Amino acid sequence: GIIRTRDALVRSARPSDATSLRLTRAHDPAALPHMTSMPFATLALLQFPGGQALVGPLVMYGGIFAIFYFLLIRPQQQQRKKHELAILEVKKGDRIVTAGGLVGEVQHIKSAAAPGPEDEITVKSGEARLVIERGRIVKISSPTGSSNAEKVA
């Protein structure tokens, strides 16, 4: 509430109805204890008419979150899931590219009890055979090497 002079009007909440307001005189002894015992947060909420001032920003923030979710977060999650599935489906003879840039052909897959990103894959690159982890694969293509058969971009 606002108090300017002793005779100024002060806003206070009715005990029976918190949303309606009544005006009392500042020098009214019955109104002052009621005003001092009311929490400051309640007084701050009473300054906004019916709490409608909070709806606009909440709708705006909700809309911004929805835009970020549907344009950034959700497509990234779907792409990650597709990539993980493609990595789990790697088989002997597939051509792969690793995170380090190594290009080679899968020769052997040594998997644990359940296939996962820690499985060891033997890759032949040129004349060398290297052992890599399944989780380090970035791109998978068919054994023939055709570009339209790529599984992961």
N, C-alpha and C. Protein backbone atom coordinates (compact mmCIF):
# COMPACT_ATOMS: atom_id res chain seq x y z
N GLY A 1 0.82 -1.18 0.00
CA GLY A 1 0.00 0.00 0.00
C GLY A 1 0.86 1.24 0.00
N ILE A 2 0.24 2.37 -0.19
CA ILE A 2 0.95 3.64 -0.24
C ILE A 2 0.39 4.55 0.84
N ILE A 3 1.27 5.11 1.68
CA ILE A 3 0.87 6.06 2.72
C ILE A 3 1.63 7.35 2.44
N ARG A 4 0.91 8.44 2.18
CA ARG A 4 1.59 9.71 1.90
C ARG A 4 1.47 10.66 3.10
N THR A 5 0.32 10.81 3.62
CA THR A 5 0.12 11.67 4.80
C THR A 5 -0.70 10.90 5.80
N ARG A 6 -0.93 11.50 6.94
CA ARG A 6 -1.69 10.84 7.98
C ARG A 6 -3.13 10.60 7.55
N ASP A 7 -3.69 11.47 6.75
CA ASP A 7 -5.07 11.33 6.32
C ASP A 7 -5.19 10.62 4.96
N ALA A 8 -4.09 10.12 4.44
CA ALA A 8 -4.14 9.46 3.13
C ALA A 8 -4.87 8.12 3.25
N LEU A 9 -5.34 7.65 2.11
CA LEU A 9 -6.04 6.37 2.10
C LEU A 9 -5.04 5.24 1.90
N VAL A 10 -5.27 4.12 2.54
CA VAL A 10 -4.37 2.97 2.50
C VAL A 10 -5.16 1.76 2.02
N ARG A 11 -4.55 0.94 1.17
CA ARG A 11 -5.19 -0.30 0.74
C ARG A 11 -4.95 -1.38 1.78
N SER A 12 -5.95 -2.13 2.07
CA SER A 12 -5.78 -3.28 2.95
C SER A 12 -6.73 -4.36 2.50
N ALA A 13 -6.38 -5.59 2.77
CA ALA A 13 -7.21 -6.73 2.36
C ALA A 13 -8.24 -7.03 3.43
N ARG A 14 -9.42 -7.40 2.98
CA ARG A 14 -10.44 -7.86 3.92
C ARG A 14 -10.06 -9.25 4.41
N PRO A 15 -10.31 -9.56 5.65
CA PRO A 15 -10.01 -10.91 6.12
C PRO A 15 -10.87 -11.96 5.45
N SER A 16 -12.09 -11.61 5.05
CA SER A 16 -12.99 -12.60 4.48
C SER A 16 -12.73 -12.82 2.99
N ASP A 17 -12.21 -11.83 2.27
CA ASP A 17 -12.01 -11.95 0.83
C ASP A 17 -10.67 -11.31 0.47
N ALA A 18 -9.68 -12.12 0.18
CA ALA A 18 -8.32 -11.63 -0.04
C ALA A 18 -8.20 -10.88 -1.37
N THR A 19 -9.09 -11.14 -2.33
CA THR A 19 -8.95 -10.49 -3.63
C THR A 19 -9.60 -9.13 -3.69
N SER A 20 -10.59 -8.89 -2.86
CA SER A 20 -11.24 -7.57 -2.88
C SER A 20 -10.48 -6.63 -1.96
N LEU A 21 -10.52 -5.37 -2.30
CA LEU A 21 -9.79 -4.38 -1.52
C LEU A 21 -10.78 -3.36 -0.94
N ARG A 22 -10.44 -2.81 0.20
CA ARG A 22 -11.23 -1.72 0.76
C ARG A 22 -10.27 -0.62 1.17
N LEU A 23 -10.75 0.55 1.18
CA LEU A 23 -9.94 1.70 1.54
C LEU A 23 -10.26 2.11 2.97
N THR A 24 -9.23 2.30 3.76
CA THR A 24 -9.42 2.75 5.15
C THR A 24 -8.54 3.96 5.37
N ARG A 25 -8.82 4.70 6.39
CA ARG A 25 -7.99 5.86 6.72
C ARG A 25 -6.72 5.39 7.44
N ALA A 26 -5.61 6.05 7.20
CA ALA A 26 -4.34 5.66 7.79
C ALA A 26 -4.34 5.83 9.29
N HIS A 27 -5.11 6.74 9.80
CA HIS A 27 -5.11 6.95 11.25
C HIS A 27 -6.13 6.07 11.96
N ASP A 28 -6.80 5.18 11.24
CA ASP A 28 -7.75 4.25 11.83
C ASP A 28 -6.96 3.22 12.64
N PRO A 29 -7.11 3.16 13.96
CA PRO A 29 -6.31 2.24 14.77
C PRO A 29 -6.58 0.78 14.46
N ALA A 30 -7.76 0.44 13.99
CA ALA A 30 -8.07 -0.96 13.69
C ALA A 30 -7.38 -1.42 12.41
N ALA A 31 -7.08 -0.50 11.50
CA ALA A 31 -6.48 -0.88 10.22
C ALA A 31 -4.97 -1.05 10.33
N LEU A 32 -4.30 -0.30 11.19
CA LEU A 32 -2.84 -0.35 11.26
C LEU A 32 -2.30 -1.70 11.73
N PRO A 33 -2.83 -2.33 12.79
CA PRO A 33 -2.29 -3.64 13.16
C PRO A 33 -2.51 -4.67 12.05
N HIS A 34 -3.64 -4.54 11.38
CA HIS A 34 -3.91 -5.47 10.28
C HIS A 34 -2.89 -5.29 9.16
N MET A 35 -2.50 -4.07 8.87
CA MET A 35 -1.55 -3.79 7.80
C MET A 35 -0.14 -4.24 8.19
N THR A 36 0.26 -4.06 9.43
CA THR A 36 1.62 -4.44 9.82
C THR A 36 1.78 -5.93 9.96
N SER A 37 0.71 -6.66 10.25
CA SER A 37 0.83 -8.11 10.40
C SER A 37 0.76 -8.84 9.06
N MET A 38 0.31 -8.14 8.00
CA MET A 38 0.19 -8.78 6.69
C MET A 38 1.59 -8.91 6.07
N PRO A 39 1.96 -10.07 5.57
CA PRO A 39 3.29 -10.25 4.97
C PRO A 39 3.47 -9.34 3.75
N PHE A 40 4.72 -8.95 3.53
CA PHE A 40 5.01 -8.05 2.41
C PHE A 40 4.71 -8.70 1.07
N ALA A 41 4.87 -10.02 0.95
CA ALA A 41 4.57 -10.70 -0.31
C ALA A 41 3.10 -10.61 -0.64
N THR A 42 2.26 -10.70 0.38
CA THR A 42 0.81 -10.58 0.16
C THR A 42 0.48 -9.18 -0.29
N LEU A 43 1.11 -8.19 0.31
CA LEU A 43 0.87 -6.81 -0.11
C LEU A 43 1.33 -6.59 -1.55
N ALA A 44 2.44 -7.20 -1.93
CA ALA A 44 2.93 -7.06 -3.30
C ALA A 44 1.97 -7.71 -4.28
N LEU A 45 1.42 -8.86 -3.93
CA LEU A 45 0.46 -9.53 -4.82
C LEU A 45 -0.84 -8.76 -4.93
N LEU A 46 -1.21 -8.04 -3.86
CA LEU A 46 -2.45 -7.28 -3.89
C LEU A 46 -2.36 -6.08 -4.82
N GLN A 47 -1.16 -5.63 -5.14
CA GLN A 47 -1.02 -4.49 -6.04
C GLN A 47 -1.36 -4.87 -7.48
N PHE A 48 -1.25 -6.15 -7.83
CA PHE A 48 -1.60 -6.60 -9.17
C PHE A 48 -3.08 -6.99 -9.18
N PRO A 49 -3.82 -6.52 -10.15
CA PRO A 49 -5.25 -6.82 -10.17
C PRO A 49 -5.53 -8.28 -10.50
N GLY A 50 -5.84 -9.07 -9.51
CA GLY A 50 -6.26 -10.45 -9.70
C GLY A 50 -5.17 -11.39 -10.17
N GLY A 51 -3.92 -11.02 -10.11
CA GLY A 51 -2.84 -11.89 -10.55
C GLY A 51 -2.72 -12.02 -12.06
N GLN A 52 -3.45 -11.22 -12.81
CA GLN A 52 -3.43 -11.31 -14.27
C GLN A 52 -2.11 -10.80 -14.85
N ALA A 53 -1.38 -10.01 -14.12
CA ALA A 53 -0.11 -9.48 -14.62
C ALA A 53 0.94 -10.57 -14.74
N LEU A 54 0.77 -11.67 -14.05
CA LEU A 54 1.74 -12.76 -14.12
C LEU A 54 1.48 -13.71 -15.28
N VAL A 55 0.29 -13.69 -15.83
CA VAL A 55 -0.07 -14.63 -16.89
C VAL A 55 0.68 -14.34 -18.18
N GLY A 56 0.81 -13.09 -18.54
CA GLY A 56 1.48 -12.71 -19.79
C GLY A 56 2.91 -13.20 -19.87
N PRO A 57 3.76 -12.88 -18.89
CA PRO A 57 5.14 -13.37 -18.95
C PRO A 57 5.24 -14.90 -18.89
N LEU A 58 4.35 -15.54 -18.13
CA LEU A 58 4.40 -17.00 -18.07
C LEU A 58 4.08 -17.62 -19.43
N VAL A 59 3.10 -17.06 -20.13
CA VAL A 59 2.75 -17.56 -21.46
C VAL A 59 3.91 -17.31 -22.42
N MET A 60 4.54 -16.15 -22.32
CA MET A 60 5.67 -15.84 -23.19
C MET A 60 6.84 -16.80 -22.94
N TYR A 61 7.19 -17.03 -21.69
CA TYR A 61 8.28 -17.96 -21.39
C TYR A 61 7.94 -19.38 -21.80
N GLY A 62 6.69 -19.78 -21.62
CA GLY A 62 6.25 -21.10 -22.07
C GLY A 62 6.37 -21.24 -23.57
N GLY A 63 6.00 -20.20 -24.31
CA GLY A 63 6.13 -20.23 -25.77
C GLY A 63 7.57 -20.31 -26.21
N ILE A 64 8.46 -19.56 -25.56
CA ILE A 64 9.88 -19.61 -25.90
C ILE A 64 10.44 -21.00 -25.62
N PHE A 65 10.06 -21.59 -24.49
CA PHE A 65 10.53 -22.95 -24.18
C PHE A 65 10.03 -23.94 -25.22
N ALA A 66 8.77 -23.82 -25.63
CA ALA A 66 8.21 -24.73 -26.65
C ALA A 66 8.96 -24.60 -27.96
N ILE A 67 9.28 -23.38 -28.36
CA ILE A 67 10.04 -23.18 -29.60
C ILE A 67 11.41 -23.84 -29.50
N PHE A 68 12.12 -23.61 -28.40
CA PHE A 68 13.43 -24.22 -28.23
C PHE A 68 13.33 -25.74 -28.20
N TYR A 69 12.30 -26.26 -27.53
CA TYR A 69 12.16 -27.71 -27.44
C TYR A 69 11.93 -28.33 -28.81
N PHE A 70 10.97 -27.79 -29.57
CA PHE A 70 10.61 -28.41 -30.85
C PHE A 70 11.60 -28.09 -31.97
N LEU A 71 12.37 -27.02 -31.86
CA LEU A 71 13.33 -26.70 -32.92
C LEU A 71 14.75 -27.14 -32.61
N LEU A 72 15.10 -27.28 -31.35
CA LEU A 72 16.48 -27.63 -31.01
C LEU A 72 16.62 -28.93 -30.24
N ILE A 73 15.93 -29.05 -29.13
CA ILE A 73 16.15 -30.18 -28.22
C ILE A 73 15.62 -31.49 -28.79
N ARG A 74 14.36 -31.51 -29.21
CA ARG A 74 13.74 -32.75 -29.69
C ARG A 74 14.42 -33.30 -30.94
N PRO A 75 14.70 -32.49 -31.97
CA PRO A 75 15.40 -33.05 -33.14
C PRO A 75 16.78 -33.61 -32.79
N GLN A 76 17.47 -32.96 -31.86
CA GLN A 76 18.79 -33.45 -31.46
C GLN A 76 18.67 -34.80 -30.74
N GLN A 77 17.64 -34.97 -29.91
CA GLN A 77 17.42 -36.25 -29.23
C GLN A 77 17.10 -37.34 -30.24
N GLN A 78 16.27 -37.04 -31.21
CA GLN A 78 15.91 -38.04 -32.23
C GLN A 78 17.13 -38.43 -33.05
N GLN A 79 17.96 -37.45 -33.42
CA GLN A 79 19.16 -37.76 -34.19
C GLN A 79 20.12 -38.61 -33.37
N ARG A 80 20.26 -38.32 -32.08
CA ARG A 80 21.14 -39.12 -31.22
C ARG A 80 20.64 -40.55 -31.10
N LYS A 81 19.32 -40.75 -30.96
CA LYS A 81 18.76 -42.10 -30.87
C LYS A 81 18.98 -42.88 -32.16
N LYS A 82 18.78 -42.22 -33.31
CA LYS A 82 19.04 -42.88 -34.60
C LYS A 82 20.50 -43.28 -34.72
N HIS A 83 21.39 -42.41 -34.28
CA HIS A 83 22.83 -42.68 -34.35
C HIS A 83 23.19 -43.87 -33.46
N GLU A 84 22.65 -43.91 -32.24
CA GLU A 84 22.93 -45.03 -31.33
C GLU A 84 22.42 -46.35 -31.90
N LEU A 85 21.23 -46.34 -32.49
CA LEU A 85 20.69 -47.56 -33.10
C LEU A 85 21.55 -48.02 -34.28
N ALA A 86 21.99 -47.07 -35.10
CA ALA A 86 22.82 -47.42 -36.25
C ALA A 86 24.16 -47.99 -35.78
N ILE A 87 24.73 -47.45 -34.72
CA ILE A 87 26.00 -47.97 -34.20
C ILE A 87 25.83 -49.38 -33.67
N LEU A 88 24.71 -49.66 -33.02
CA LEU A 88 24.46 -51.01 -32.50
C LEU A 88 24.23 -52.02 -33.61
N GLU A 89 23.83 -51.56 -34.80
CA GLU A 89 23.57 -52.46 -35.93
C GLU A 89 24.78 -52.65 -36.85
N VAL A 90 25.94 -52.14 -36.45
CA VAL A 90 27.15 -52.31 -37.27
C VAL A 90 27.45 -53.79 -37.39
N LYS A 91 27.81 -54.23 -38.60
CA LYS A 91 28.14 -55.65 -38.82
C LYS A 91 29.42 -55.75 -39.63
N LYS A 92 29.94 -56.93 -39.70
CA LYS A 92 31.17 -57.19 -40.43
C LYS A 92 31.00 -56.80 -41.89
N GLY A 93 31.97 -56.06 -42.41
CA GLY A 93 31.94 -55.63 -43.80
C GLY A 93 31.49 -54.19 -43.98
N ASP A 94 30.89 -53.58 -42.98
CA ASP A 94 30.47 -52.18 -43.10
C ASP A 94 31.68 -51.26 -43.13
N ARG A 95 31.57 -50.18 -43.92
CA ARG A 95 32.62 -49.15 -43.93
C ARG A 95 32.22 -48.10 -42.90
N ILE A 96 33.18 -47.70 -42.07
CA ILE A 96 32.89 -46.75 -41.01
C ILE A 96 33.90 -45.61 -41.01
N VAL A 97 33.53 -44.51 -40.36
CA VAL A 97 34.42 -43.40 -40.09
C VAL A 97 34.37 -43.16 -38.59
N THR A 98 35.53 -43.04 -37.97
CA THR A 98 35.58 -42.84 -36.52
C THR A 98 35.64 -41.35 -36.20
N ALA A 99 35.53 -41.02 -34.92
CA ALA A 99 35.59 -39.63 -34.47
C ALA A 99 36.96 -39.03 -34.75
N GLY A 100 37.98 -39.85 -34.83
CA GLY A 100 39.33 -39.37 -35.12
C GLY A 100 39.61 -39.23 -36.60
N GLY A 101 38.65 -39.62 -37.44
CA GLY A 101 38.83 -39.48 -38.88
C GLY A 101 39.30 -40.74 -39.58
N LEU A 102 39.44 -41.83 -38.85
CA LEU A 102 39.89 -43.09 -39.43
C LEU A 102 38.77 -43.69 -40.28
N VAL A 103 39.09 -44.06 -41.51
CA VAL A 103 38.12 -44.69 -42.41
C VAL A 103 38.58 -46.13 -42.60
N GLY A 104 37.63 -47.06 -42.41
CA GLY A 104 38.01 -48.46 -42.57
C GLY A 104 36.81 -49.36 -42.67
N GLU A 105 37.12 -50.67 -42.79
CA GLU A 105 36.09 -51.68 -42.93
C GLU A 105 36.09 -52.56 -41.69
N VAL A 106 34.89 -52.86 -41.17
CA VAL A 106 34.76 -53.67 -39.96
C VAL A 106 35.17 -55.10 -40.29
N GLN A 107 36.13 -55.65 -39.50
CA GLN A 107 36.60 -57.01 -39.69
C GLN A 107 36.05 -57.96 -38.63
N HIS A 108 35.95 -57.46 -37.39
CA HIS A 108 35.52 -58.32 -36.28
C HIS A 108 34.87 -57.45 -35.20
N ILE A 109 33.83 -58.00 -34.55
CA ILE A 109 33.16 -57.30 -33.46
C ILE A 109 33.23 -58.18 -32.22
N LYS A 110 33.87 -57.67 -31.18
CA LYS A 110 33.96 -58.37 -29.90
C LYS A 110 33.02 -57.67 -28.94
N SER A 111 31.85 -58.26 -28.72
CA SER A 111 30.86 -57.61 -27.88
C SER A 111 30.81 -58.25 -26.50
N ALA A 112 30.37 -57.45 -25.56
CA ALA A 112 30.21 -57.93 -24.19
C ALA A 112 28.89 -58.70 -24.11
N ALA A 113 28.40 -58.93 -22.89
CA ALA A 113 27.14 -59.67 -22.71
C ALA A 113 26.00 -58.96 -23.43
N ALA A 114 25.94 -57.64 -23.30
CA ALA A 114 24.93 -56.84 -24.00
C ALA A 114 25.66 -55.82 -24.88
N PRO A 115 25.29 -55.70 -26.15
CA PRO A 115 25.99 -54.74 -27.02
C PRO A 115 25.86 -53.32 -26.49
N GLY A 116 26.95 -52.60 -26.51
CA GLY A 116 26.96 -51.23 -26.00
C GLY A 116 28.08 -50.44 -26.64
N PRO A 117 28.27 -49.19 -26.25
CA PRO A 117 29.29 -48.35 -26.86
C PRO A 117 30.72 -48.75 -26.51
N GLU A 118 30.91 -49.63 -25.51
CA GLU A 118 32.25 -50.05 -25.12
C GLU A 118 32.72 -51.30 -25.88
N ASP A 119 31.89 -51.86 -26.74
CA ASP A 119 32.28 -53.04 -27.51
C ASP A 119 33.50 -52.70 -28.36
N GLU A 120 34.37 -53.71 -28.53
CA GLU A 120 35.57 -53.50 -29.34
C GLU A 120 35.31 -53.97 -30.76
N ILE A 121 35.70 -53.14 -31.72
CA ILE A 121 35.52 -53.45 -33.13
C ILE A 121 36.88 -53.38 -33.79
N THR A 122 37.23 -54.43 -34.54
CA THR A 122 38.48 -54.43 -35.28
C THR A 122 38.20 -53.88 -36.67
N VAL A 123 38.96 -52.85 -37.04
CA VAL A 123 38.77 -52.15 -38.31
C VAL A 123 40.03 -52.31 -39.14
N LYS A 124 39.86 -52.60 -40.43
CA LYS A 124 40.98 -52.66 -41.35
C LYS A 124 41.00 -51.36 -42.15
N SER A 125 42.08 -50.63 -42.01
CA SER A 125 42.25 -49.37 -42.72
C SER A 125 43.57 -49.45 -43.47
N GLY A 126 43.48 -49.56 -44.79
CA GLY A 126 44.69 -49.76 -45.59
C GLY A 126 45.24 -51.14 -45.28
N GLU A 127 46.48 -51.20 -44.80
CA GLU A 127 47.09 -52.48 -44.43
C GLU A 127 47.11 -52.69 -42.92
N ALA A 128 46.60 -51.73 -42.17
CA ALA A 128 46.63 -51.81 -40.71
C ALA A 128 45.29 -52.29 -40.17
N ARG A 129 45.35 -53.01 -39.05
CA ARG A 129 44.15 -53.42 -38.33
C ARG A 129 44.18 -52.71 -36.98
N LEU A 130 43.09 -52.04 -36.68
CA LEU A 130 43.00 -51.27 -35.45
C LEU A 130 41.79 -51.70 -34.66
N VAL A 131 41.89 -51.62 -33.34
CA VAL A 131 40.77 -51.93 -32.46
C VAL A 131 40.23 -50.60 -31.94
N ILE A 132 38.92 -50.37 -32.14
CA ILE A 132 38.28 -49.14 -31.66
C ILE A 132 37.06 -49.51 -30.83
N GLU A 133 36.54 -48.55 -30.12
CA GLU A 133 35.28 -48.74 -29.39
C GLU A 133 34.12 -48.42 -30.31
N ARG A 134 33.03 -49.12 -30.12
CA ARG A 134 31.84 -48.92 -30.95
C ARG A 134 31.31 -47.49 -30.82
N GLY A 135 31.43 -46.89 -29.65
CA GLY A 135 30.92 -45.55 -29.41
C GLY A 135 31.67 -44.45 -30.13
N ARG A 136 32.83 -44.75 -30.72
CA ARG A 136 33.63 -43.75 -31.44
C ARG A 136 33.29 -43.69 -32.92
N ILE A 137 32.33 -44.47 -33.35
CA ILE A 137 31.93 -44.46 -34.75
C ILE A 137 31.05 -43.24 -35.02
N VAL A 138 31.37 -42.50 -36.08
CA VAL A 138 30.62 -41.30 -36.42
C VAL A 138 29.71 -41.54 -37.62
N LYS A 139 30.19 -42.34 -38.59
CA LYS A 139 29.45 -42.52 -39.83
C LYS A 139 29.57 -43.98 -40.27
N ILE A 140 28.46 -44.51 -40.78
CA ILE A 140 28.42 -45.90 -41.24
C ILE A 140 27.88 -45.91 -42.65
N SER A 141 28.53 -46.65 -43.54
CA SER A 141 28.00 -46.81 -44.89
C SER A 141 28.03 -48.29 -45.25
N SER A 142 27.35 -48.62 -46.32
CA SER A 142 27.25 -50.03 -46.73
C SER A 142 28.61 -50.54 -47.20
N PRO A 143 28.76 -51.86 -47.32
CA PRO A 143 30.04 -52.43 -47.74
C PRO A 143 30.44 -51.99 -49.15
N THR A 144 29.49 -51.67 -50.02
CA THR A 144 29.84 -51.26 -51.37
C THR A 144 30.32 -49.81 -51.41
N GLY A 145 30.00 -49.03 -50.35
CA GLY A 145 30.49 -47.67 -50.27
C GLY A 145 29.62 -46.68 -51.01
N SER A 146 28.41 -47.04 -51.41
CA SER A 146 27.53 -46.11 -52.09
C SER A 146 27.06 -45.04 -51.12
N SER A 147 27.04 -43.79 -51.56
CA SER A 147 26.75 -42.67 -50.67
C SER A 147 25.27 -42.60 -50.28
N ASN A 148 24.36 -43.19 -51.10
CA ASN A 148 22.95 -43.13 -50.75
C ASN A 148 22.56 -44.16 -49.71
N ALA A 149 23.46 -45.05 -49.33
CA ALA A 149 23.15 -46.07 -48.34
C ALA A 149 23.72 -45.72 -46.97
N GLU A 150 24.11 -44.45 -46.76
CA GLU A 150 24.65 -44.05 -45.47
C GLU A 150 23.59 -44.13 -44.39
N LYS A 151 23.99 -44.66 -43.23
CA LYS A 151 23.04 -44.82 -42.14
C LYS A 151 23.08 -43.63 -41.19
N VAL A 152 24.25 -43.07 -40.98
CA VAL A 152 24.40 -41.97 -40.04
C VAL A 152 25.14 -40.84 -40.72
N ALA A 153 24.57 -39.63 -40.63
CA ALA A 153 25.21 -38.47 -41.26
C ALA A 153 26.20 -37.82 -40.33
